[in-house]
Amino acid sequence: MIRTSVAMTTGLDARACGHLLRQDGQEDLCLATYAPSTGNKRTTAVLTDLVLPRAGETSLHDNASFSGRYVVRAASQAAAQGLGIALMHSHPQGLGWQGMSSVDRQTEQSYARVAQTMR
């Protein structure tokens, strides 16, 4: 069985928390770049940087959503560096690890198709 994981530096974690954990309790999101790292029995996405949204690239409305323009910008930046992109989003009232909802899965599948065309 292959184990899948994600890793990041403490500095990147602090930057992500600074963006994702809002004072108003609203969910938020951002994209990140990552480098794949594989071993005999594991695959790890090593997050390398955040691609923070610019004005108009996200919408906060109890949930959080993002524009295709944001995905294209992040995917272009990642492709130029030979990296992939990952979606990060917060559930401020949640406790511990939370599985992905069907909406989360559909969203990731749609932006994955865009990102793959940027390679």
N, C-alpha and C. Protein backbone atom coordinates (compact mmCIF):
# COMPACT_ATOMS: atom_id res chain seq x y z
N MET A 1 0.84 -1.18 0.00
CA MET A 1 0.00 0.00 0.00
C MET A 1 0.88 1.24 0.00
N ILE A 2 0.56 2.17 -0.89
CA ILE A 2 1.28 3.44 -0.98
C ILE A 2 0.66 4.45 0.00
N ARG A 3 1.50 5.04 0.80
CA ARG A 3 1.04 6.08 1.74
C ARG A 3 1.18 7.44 1.06
N THR A 4 0.18 8.29 1.19
CA THR A 4 0.19 9.62 0.60
C THR A 4 0.18 10.65 1.72
N SER A 5 1.01 11.68 1.58
CA SER A 5 1.08 12.71 2.62
C SER A 5 1.43 14.06 2.01
N VAL A 6 1.34 15.08 2.85
CA VAL A 6 1.70 16.45 2.48
C VAL A 6 2.65 16.98 3.54
N ALA A 7 3.64 17.74 3.13
CA ALA A 7 4.60 18.33 4.07
C ALA A 7 4.87 19.77 3.68
N MET A 8 5.21 20.58 4.68
CA MET A 8 5.59 21.97 4.43
C MET A 8 6.50 22.42 5.57
N THR A 9 7.20 23.49 5.34
CA THR A 9 8.06 24.05 6.37
C THR A 9 7.19 24.77 7.41
N THR A 10 7.77 25.01 8.57
CA THR A 10 7.02 25.76 9.59
C THR A 10 6.77 27.20 9.13
N GLY A 11 7.69 27.76 8.36
CA GLY A 11 7.49 29.11 7.84
C GLY A 11 6.30 29.18 6.88
N LEU A 12 6.19 28.19 6.00
CA LEU A 12 5.07 28.16 5.07
C LEU A 12 3.76 27.90 5.82
N ASP A 13 3.82 27.05 6.83
CA ASP A 13 2.64 26.80 7.66
C ASP A 13 2.16 28.10 8.32
N ALA A 14 3.09 28.88 8.83
CA ALA A 14 2.72 30.15 9.47
C ALA A 14 2.09 31.11 8.47
N ARG A 15 2.65 31.18 7.26
CA ARG A 15 2.06 32.04 6.22
C ARG A 15 0.66 31.57 5.84
N ALA A 16 0.49 30.25 5.70
CA ALA A 16 -0.82 29.70 5.34
C ALA A 16 -1.84 29.99 6.44
N CYS A 17 -1.45 29.77 7.69
CA CYS A 17 -2.35 30.05 8.81
C CYS A 17 -2.71 31.53 8.85
N GLY A 18 -1.74 32.40 8.57
CA GLY A 18 -2.00 33.84 8.56
C GLY A 18 -3.05 34.23 7.54
N HIS A 19 -3.08 33.52 6.43
CA HIS A 19 -4.08 33.82 5.40
C HIS A 19 -5.40 33.10 5.65
N LEU A 20 -5.34 31.83 6.00
CA LEU A 20 -6.54 30.98 6.05
C LEU A 20 -7.36 31.12 7.33
N LEU A 21 -6.73 31.45 8.44
CA LEU A 21 -7.45 31.54 9.72
C LEU A 21 -7.82 32.99 9.99
N ARG A 22 -9.01 33.33 9.56
CA ARG A 22 -9.48 34.72 9.61
C ARG A 22 -10.09 35.04 10.97
N GLN A 23 -9.96 36.29 11.38
CA GLN A 23 -10.53 36.75 12.65
C GLN A 23 -12.06 36.66 12.65
N ASP A 24 -12.69 36.80 11.48
CA ASP A 24 -14.15 36.79 11.41
C ASP A 24 -14.74 35.39 11.35
N GLY A 25 -13.90 34.35 11.36
CA GLY A 25 -14.40 32.98 11.34
C GLY A 25 -14.84 32.48 9.97
N GLN A 26 -14.68 33.29 8.95
CA GLN A 26 -15.06 32.94 7.58
C GLN A 26 -14.06 31.94 7.00
N GLU A 27 -14.56 30.94 6.26
CA GLU A 27 -13.66 30.07 5.50
C GLU A 27 -12.87 30.91 4.52
N ASP A 28 -11.69 30.46 4.18
CA ASP A 28 -10.90 31.12 3.15
C ASP A 28 -10.11 30.06 2.41
N LEU A 29 -9.45 30.47 1.35
CA LEU A 29 -8.70 29.51 0.55
C LEU A 29 -7.51 30.18 -0.09
N CYS A 30 -6.59 29.36 -0.55
CA CYS A 30 -5.49 29.81 -1.37
C CYS A 30 -4.93 28.61 -2.11
N LEU A 31 -4.17 28.89 -3.13
CA LEU A 31 -3.48 27.84 -3.87
C LEU A 31 -2.02 27.83 -3.43
N ALA A 32 -1.41 26.68 -3.56
CA ALA A 32 0.00 26.52 -3.22
C ALA A 32 0.68 25.74 -4.33
N THR A 33 1.98 25.90 -4.44
CA THR A 33 2.75 25.08 -5.37
C THR A 33 3.36 23.93 -4.58
N TYR A 34 3.58 22.83 -5.27
CA TYR A 34 4.19 21.69 -4.60
C TYR A 34 5.10 20.91 -5.54
N ALA A 35 6.06 20.23 -4.92
CA ALA A 35 6.95 19.31 -5.63
C ALA A 35 6.64 17.91 -5.15
N PRO A 36 6.44 16.97 -6.06
CA PRO A 36 6.19 15.59 -5.63
C PRO A 36 7.49 14.94 -5.16
N SER A 37 7.37 14.13 -4.14
CA SER A 37 8.49 13.36 -3.62
C SER A 37 7.99 11.94 -3.42
N THR A 38 8.65 10.98 -4.06
CA THR A 38 8.18 9.60 -3.97
C THR A 38 9.24 8.69 -3.38
N GLY A 39 8.76 7.71 -2.69
CA GLY A 39 9.61 6.68 -2.14
C GLY A 39 9.04 5.32 -2.51
N ASN A 40 9.60 4.28 -1.94
CA ASN A 40 9.16 2.93 -2.25
C ASN A 40 7.71 2.69 -1.83
N LYS A 41 7.31 3.27 -0.68
CA LYS A 41 5.96 3.04 -0.18
C LYS A 41 5.23 4.32 0.18
N ARG A 42 5.68 5.45 -0.35
CA ARG A 42 5.00 6.70 -0.02
C ARG A 42 5.15 7.70 -1.15
N THR A 43 4.16 8.58 -1.24
CA THR A 43 4.18 9.74 -2.14
C THR A 43 3.85 10.95 -1.29
N THR A 44 4.69 11.97 -1.36
CA THR A 44 4.48 13.17 -0.57
C THR A 44 4.45 14.39 -1.49
N ALA A 45 3.48 15.26 -1.25
CA ALA A 45 3.45 16.56 -1.92
C ALA A 45 4.14 17.53 -0.97
N VAL A 46 5.31 18.01 -1.35
CA VAL A 46 6.05 18.97 -0.53
C VAL A 46 5.65 20.37 -0.99
N LEU A 47 4.85 21.06 -0.16
CA LEU A 47 4.41 22.40 -0.51
C LEU A 47 5.60 23.33 -0.51
N THR A 48 5.73 24.12 -1.58
CA THR A 48 6.91 24.97 -1.74
C THR A 48 6.62 26.46 -1.56
N ASP A 49 5.40 26.90 -1.91
CA ASP A 49 5.08 28.32 -1.80
C ASP A 49 3.57 28.50 -1.87
N LEU A 50 3.09 29.63 -1.37
CA LEU A 50 1.69 29.99 -1.51
C LEU A 50 1.54 30.90 -2.71
N VAL A 51 0.43 30.76 -3.41
CA VAL A 51 0.04 31.69 -4.46
C VAL A 51 -1.22 32.36 -3.93
N LEU A 52 -1.04 33.46 -3.24
CA LEU A 52 -2.17 34.13 -2.59
C LEU A 52 -3.06 34.81 -3.62
N PRO A 53 -4.37 34.81 -3.38
CA PRO A 53 -5.28 35.42 -4.35
C PRO A 53 -5.13 36.93 -4.39
N ARG A 54 -5.36 37.45 -5.57
CA ARG A 54 -5.41 38.91 -5.77
C ARG A 54 -6.87 39.35 -5.71
N ALA A 55 -7.08 40.64 -5.66
CA ALA A 55 -8.44 41.19 -5.60
C ALA A 55 -9.27 40.62 -6.74
N GLY A 56 -10.46 40.15 -6.41
CA GLY A 56 -11.39 39.64 -7.41
C GLY A 56 -11.18 38.19 -7.79
N GLU A 57 -10.14 37.54 -7.28
CA GLU A 57 -9.88 36.15 -7.64
C GLU A 57 -10.59 35.16 -6.73
N THR A 58 -11.11 35.62 -5.59
CA THR A 58 -11.88 34.75 -4.70
C THR A 58 -13.15 35.47 -4.29
N SER A 59 -14.08 34.67 -3.80
CA SER A 59 -15.33 35.21 -3.28
C SER A 59 -15.64 34.49 -1.98
N LEU A 60 -15.90 35.26 -0.91
CA LEU A 60 -16.20 34.69 0.39
C LEU A 60 -17.68 34.90 0.67
N HIS A 61 -18.39 33.81 0.95
CA HIS A 61 -19.85 33.85 1.12
C HIS A 61 -20.26 32.68 2.00
N ASP A 62 -19.84 32.69 3.25
CA ASP A 62 -19.92 31.56 4.18
C ASP A 62 -18.99 30.45 3.72
N ASN A 63 -19.07 30.05 2.48
CA ASN A 63 -18.06 29.20 1.86
C ASN A 63 -17.06 30.11 1.17
N ALA A 64 -16.14 29.53 0.46
CA ALA A 64 -15.19 30.31 -0.32
C ALA A 64 -15.11 29.70 -1.71
N SER A 65 -15.02 30.55 -2.71
CA SER A 65 -14.87 30.08 -4.08
C SER A 65 -13.79 30.92 -4.77
N PHE A 66 -13.35 30.45 -5.93
CA PHE A 66 -12.28 31.15 -6.63
C PHE A 66 -12.53 31.16 -8.12
N SER A 67 -11.86 32.07 -8.79
CA SER A 67 -12.05 32.24 -10.23
C SER A 67 -11.10 31.36 -11.03
N GLY A 68 -11.50 31.11 -12.26
CA GLY A 68 -10.61 30.39 -13.17
C GLY A 68 -9.33 31.16 -13.43
N ARG A 69 -9.43 32.49 -13.42
CA ARG A 69 -8.24 33.34 -13.61
C ARG A 69 -7.18 33.04 -12.55
N TYR A 70 -7.63 32.83 -11.32
CA TYR A 70 -6.71 32.51 -10.22
C TYR A 70 -6.02 31.18 -10.47
N VAL A 71 -6.79 30.18 -10.88
CA VAL A 71 -6.22 28.85 -11.16
C VAL A 71 -5.20 28.95 -12.29
N VAL A 72 -5.54 29.66 -13.35
CA VAL A 72 -4.62 29.79 -14.49
C VAL A 72 -3.34 30.49 -14.06
N ARG A 73 -3.45 31.53 -13.26
CA ARG A 73 -2.25 32.25 -12.79
C ARG A 73 -1.37 31.34 -11.95
N ALA A 74 -1.97 30.62 -11.01
CA ALA A 74 -1.19 29.71 -10.15
C ALA A 74 -0.60 28.56 -10.96
N ALA A 75 -1.39 27.99 -11.87
CA ALA A 75 -0.91 26.87 -12.67
C ALA A 75 0.23 27.31 -13.59
N SER A 76 0.15 28.51 -14.14
CA SER A 76 1.22 29.03 -15.00
C SER A 76 2.51 29.21 -14.20
N GLN A 77 2.37 29.75 -12.99
CA GLN A 77 3.54 29.94 -12.13
C GLN A 77 4.15 28.58 -11.76
N ALA A 78 3.31 27.63 -11.41
CA ALA A 78 3.81 26.30 -11.04
C ALA A 78 4.48 25.62 -12.23
N ALA A 79 3.83 25.67 -13.40
CA ALA A 79 4.38 25.01 -14.59
C ALA A 79 5.75 25.58 -14.96
N ALA A 80 5.92 26.87 -14.81
CA ALA A 80 7.21 27.51 -15.13
C ALA A 80 8.33 26.98 -14.24
N GLN A 81 7.97 26.46 -13.07
CA GLN A 81 8.95 25.93 -12.12
C GLN A 81 8.95 24.41 -12.08
N GLY A 82 8.14 23.76 -12.93
CA GLY A 82 8.07 22.30 -12.94
C GLY A 82 7.34 21.74 -11.72
N LEU A 83 6.40 22.52 -11.16
CA LEU A 83 5.69 22.14 -9.95
C LEU A 83 4.20 21.92 -10.23
N GLY A 84 3.50 21.39 -9.25
CA GLY A 84 2.06 21.25 -9.32
C GLY A 84 1.40 22.28 -8.42
N ILE A 85 0.05 22.30 -8.44
CA ILE A 85 -0.67 23.21 -7.55
C ILE A 85 -1.60 22.41 -6.64
N ALA A 86 -1.80 22.96 -5.46
CA ALA A 86 -2.68 22.35 -4.46
C ALA A 86 -3.63 23.42 -3.94
N LEU A 87 -4.83 23.01 -3.64
CA LEU A 87 -5.83 23.91 -3.06
C LEU A 87 -5.80 23.74 -1.55
N MET A 88 -5.72 24.85 -0.84
CA MET A 88 -5.79 24.84 0.62
C MET A 88 -7.01 25.67 1.02
N HIS A 89 -7.82 25.14 1.93
CA HIS A 89 -8.91 25.96 2.44
C HIS A 89 -9.20 25.59 3.88
N SER A 90 -9.78 26.57 4.58
CA SER A 90 -9.98 26.41 6.02
C SER A 90 -11.44 26.13 6.35
N HIS A 91 -11.61 25.42 7.43
CA HIS A 91 -12.92 25.18 8.06
C HIS A 91 -12.75 25.63 9.51
N PRO A 92 -12.89 26.93 9.76
CA PRO A 92 -12.54 27.49 11.07
C PRO A 92 -13.26 26.84 12.26
N GLN A 93 -14.47 26.35 12.08
CA GLN A 93 -15.20 25.74 13.19
C GLN A 93 -14.94 24.23 13.30
N GLY A 94 -14.17 23.67 12.38
CA GLY A 94 -13.90 22.23 12.38
C GLY A 94 -12.85 21.84 13.40
N LEU A 95 -12.87 20.59 13.75
CA LEU A 95 -11.88 20.04 14.68
C LEU A 95 -11.15 18.90 13.99
N GLY A 96 -9.83 18.98 13.95
CA GLY A 96 -9.03 17.90 13.39
C GLY A 96 -9.18 17.78 11.89
N TRP A 97 -8.73 16.66 11.36
CA TRP A 97 -8.76 16.40 9.92
C TRP A 97 -10.20 16.22 9.47
N GLN A 98 -10.52 16.82 8.34
CA GLN A 98 -11.85 16.67 7.76
C GLN A 98 -11.73 16.12 6.35
N GLY A 99 -12.56 15.16 6.03
CA GLY A 99 -12.58 14.63 4.69
C GLY A 99 -13.14 15.64 3.71
N MET A 100 -12.98 15.36 2.44
CA MET A 100 -13.45 16.27 1.40
C MET A 100 -14.94 16.02 1.14
N SER A 101 -15.67 17.10 0.97
CA SER A 101 -17.08 17.00 0.60
C SER A 101 -17.17 16.72 -0.90
N SER A 102 -18.36 16.39 -1.37
CA SER A 102 -18.55 16.16 -2.81
C SER A 102 -18.29 17.46 -3.59
N VAL A 103 -18.66 18.59 -3.02
CA VAL A 103 -18.38 19.88 -3.67
C VAL A 103 -16.87 20.10 -3.75
N ASP A 104 -16.13 19.79 -2.68
CA ASP A 104 -14.67 19.91 -2.69
C ASP A 104 -14.08 19.05 -3.81
N ARG A 105 -14.54 17.82 -3.92
CA ARG A 105 -14.01 16.90 -4.94
C ARG A 105 -14.30 17.42 -6.35
N GLN A 106 -15.51 17.88 -6.58
CA GLN A 106 -15.86 18.41 -7.91
C GLN A 106 -15.02 19.63 -8.24
N THR A 107 -14.80 20.49 -7.27
CA THR A 107 -14.00 21.69 -7.48
C THR A 107 -12.57 21.30 -7.85
N GLU A 108 -11.99 20.38 -7.08
CA GLU A 108 -10.62 19.97 -7.37
C GLU A 108 -10.50 19.32 -8.75
N GLN A 109 -11.48 18.52 -9.12
CA GLN A 109 -11.44 17.88 -10.44
C GLN A 109 -11.49 18.91 -11.56
N SER A 110 -12.30 19.95 -11.37
CA SER A 110 -12.42 20.96 -12.43
C SER A 110 -11.13 21.77 -12.57
N TYR A 111 -10.52 22.16 -11.45
CA TYR A 111 -9.30 22.95 -11.60
C TYR A 111 -8.11 22.08 -11.98
N ALA A 112 -8.16 20.78 -11.67
CA ALA A 112 -7.08 19.88 -12.06
C ALA A 112 -6.99 19.81 -13.59
N ARG A 113 -8.12 19.77 -14.26
CA ARG A 113 -8.11 19.74 -15.73
C ARG A 113 -7.47 21.00 -16.29
N VAL A 114 -7.77 22.15 -15.70
CA VAL A 114 -7.14 23.40 -16.15
C VAL A 114 -5.63 23.35 -15.92
N ALA A 115 -5.24 22.94 -14.74
CA ALA A 115 -3.81 22.90 -14.39
C ALA A 115 -3.04 21.95 -15.29
N GLN A 116 -3.63 20.81 -15.63
CA GLN A 116 -2.93 19.83 -16.47
C GLN A 116 -2.66 20.37 -17.86
N THR A 117 -3.50 21.25 -18.35
CA THR A 117 -3.27 21.83 -19.68
C THR A 117 -2.12 22.83 -19.67
N MET A 118 -1.71 23.28 -18.49
CA MET A 118 -0.65 24.29 -18.39
C MET A 118 0.74 23.68 -18.44
N ARG A 119 0.87 22.37 -18.35
CA ARG A 119 2.19 21.73 -18.32
C ARG A 119 3.00 22.01 -19.52
